[in-house]
Amino acid sequence: MLASGRHGTIYIGVTSDLMGRLHQHRTRATPGFTSRYDVFRLDPLWEDRALDLGFPRQS
């Protein structure tokens, strides 16, 4: 989960390459929602466990 700031716009996405995706958002590599609303601050509560909580492991 990314945010534009306190009480600002939020963006929720899924990726297996968190650091690479953050770099894309912060450098505005592609036009879209996150670049339009300056959404690039990572919410630390979601950083570590987001995929484990949201998706069961494939066997």
C-alpha atoms as a PDB file:
ATOM      1  CA  MET A   1       0.000   0.000   0.000  1.00  0.00           C
ATOM      2  CA  LEU A   2       1.355   3.384  -1.029  1.00  0.00           C
ATOM      3  CA  ALA A   3       0.105   6.811   0.017  1.00  0.00           C
ATOM      4  CA  SER A   4       0.541  10.401  -1.100  1.00  0.00           C
ATOM      5  CA  GLY A   5       0.763  11.551   2.511  1.00  0.00           C
ATOM      6  CA  ARG A   6      -1.178  11.623   5.728  1.00  0.00           C
ATOM      7  CA  HIS A   7      -4.911  11.677   4.985  1.00  0.00           C
ATOM      8  CA  GLY A   8      -4.056  11.602   1.268  1.00  0.00           C
ATOM      9  CA  THR A   9      -4.636   9.302  -1.656  1.00  0.00           C
ATOM     10  CA  ILE A  10      -3.818   5.586  -1.276  1.00  0.00           C
ATOM     11  CA  TYR A  11      -2.840   2.987  -3.857  1.00  0.00           C
ATOM     12  CA  ILE A  12      -2.969  -0.757  -3.303  1.00  0.00           C
ATOM     13  CA  GLY A  13      -1.042  -3.067  -5.593  1.00  0.00           C
ATOM     14  CA  VAL A  14       0.605  -6.488  -5.668  1.00  0.00           C
ATOM     15  CA  THR A  15       4.162  -7.252  -6.771  1.00  0.00           C
ATOM     16  CA  SER A  16       6.858  -9.847  -6.195  1.00  0.00           C
ATOM     17  CA  ASP A  17       9.583  -7.192  -6.679  1.00  0.00           C
ATOM     18  CA  LEU A  18       8.781  -4.509  -4.100  1.00  0.00           C
ATOM     19  CA  MET A  19      11.969  -2.468  -4.471  1.00  0.00           C
ATOM     20  CA  GLY A  20      11.791  -2.456  -8.276  1.00  0.00           C
ATOM     21  CA  ARG A  21       8.144  -1.438  -8.250  1.00  0.00           C
ATOM     22  CA  LEU A  22       8.785   1.343  -5.717  1.00  0.00           C
ATOM     23  CA  HIS A  23      11.546   2.656  -7.968  1.00  0.00           C
ATOM     24  CA  GLN A  24       9.112   2.730 -10.906  1.00  0.00           C
ATOM     25  CA  HIS A  25       6.548   4.659  -8.869  1.00  0.00           C
ATOM     26  CA  ARG A  26       9.047   7.128  -7.386  1.00  0.00           C
ATOM     27  CA  THR A  27      10.717   7.923 -10.706  1.00  0.00           C
ATOM     28  CA  ARG A  28       7.333   8.113 -12.445  1.00  0.00           C
ATOM     29  CA  ALA A  29       8.552   5.644 -15.071  1.00  0.00           C
ATOM     30  CA  THR A  30       5.048   5.230 -16.489  1.00  0.00           C
ATOM     31  CA  PRO A  31       2.172   7.708 -16.550  1.00  0.00           C
ATOM     32  CA  GLY A  32      -0.861   6.754 -14.511  1.00  0.00           C
ATOM     33  CA  PHE A  33      -2.606   6.950 -11.166  1.00  0.00           C
ATOM     34  CA  THR A  34       0.463   7.044  -8.908  1.00  0.00           C
ATOM     35  CA  SER A  35       2.257   9.732 -10.906  1.00  0.00           C
ATOM     36  CA  ARG A  36      -0.920  11.811 -11.269  1.00  0.00           C
ATOM     37  CA  TYR A  37      -1.607  11.830  -7.513  1.00  0.00           C
ATOM     38  CA  ASP A  38       2.023  11.748  -6.230  1.00  0.00           C
ATOM     39  CA  VAL A  39       1.491   8.396  -4.515  1.00  0.00           C
ATOM     40  CA  PHE A  40       4.904   6.954  -3.636  1.00  0.00           C
ATOM     41  CA  ARG A  41       5.239   6.638   0.169  1.00  0.00           C
ATOM     42  CA  LEU A  42       5.233   3.017   1.338  1.00  0.00           C
ATOM     43  CA  ASP A  43       3.028   2.234   4.331  1.00  0.00           C
ATOM     44  CA  PRO A  44       5.383   0.316   6.670  1.00  0.00           C
ATOM     45  CA  LEU A  45       2.536  -1.806   8.071  1.00  0.00           C
ATOM     46  CA  TRP A  46       2.119  -3.523   4.717  1.00  0.00           C
ATOM     47  CA  GLU A  47       5.739  -3.799   3.641  1.00  0.00           C
ATOM     48  CA  ASP A  48       6.636  -7.166   5.189  1.00  0.00           C
ATOM     49  CA  ARG A  49       3.491  -9.266   5.270  1.00  0.00           C
ATOM     50  CA  ALA A  50       1.166  -8.092   2.528  1.00  0.00           C
ATOM     51  CA  LEU A  51       1.600 -11.075   0.207  1.00  0.00           C
ATOM     52  CA  ASP A  52       1.551 -13.643   3.002  1.00  0.00           C
ATOM     53  CA  LEU A  53      -1.705 -12.265   4.380  1.00  0.00           C
ATOM     54  CA  GLY A  54      -3.465 -11.758   1.095  1.00  0.00           C
ATOM     55  CA  PHE A  55      -2.632 -14.863  -0.882  1.00  0.00           C
ATOM     56  CA  PRO A  56      -2.318 -18.490   0.207  1.00  0.00           C
ATOM     57  CA  ARG A  57       0.871 -20.259  -0.859  1.00  0.00           C
ATOM     58  CA  GLN A  58       0.711 -22.429  -3.947  1.00  0.00           C
ATOM     59  CA  SER A  59       1.674 -26.075  -3.399  1.00  0.00           C
END
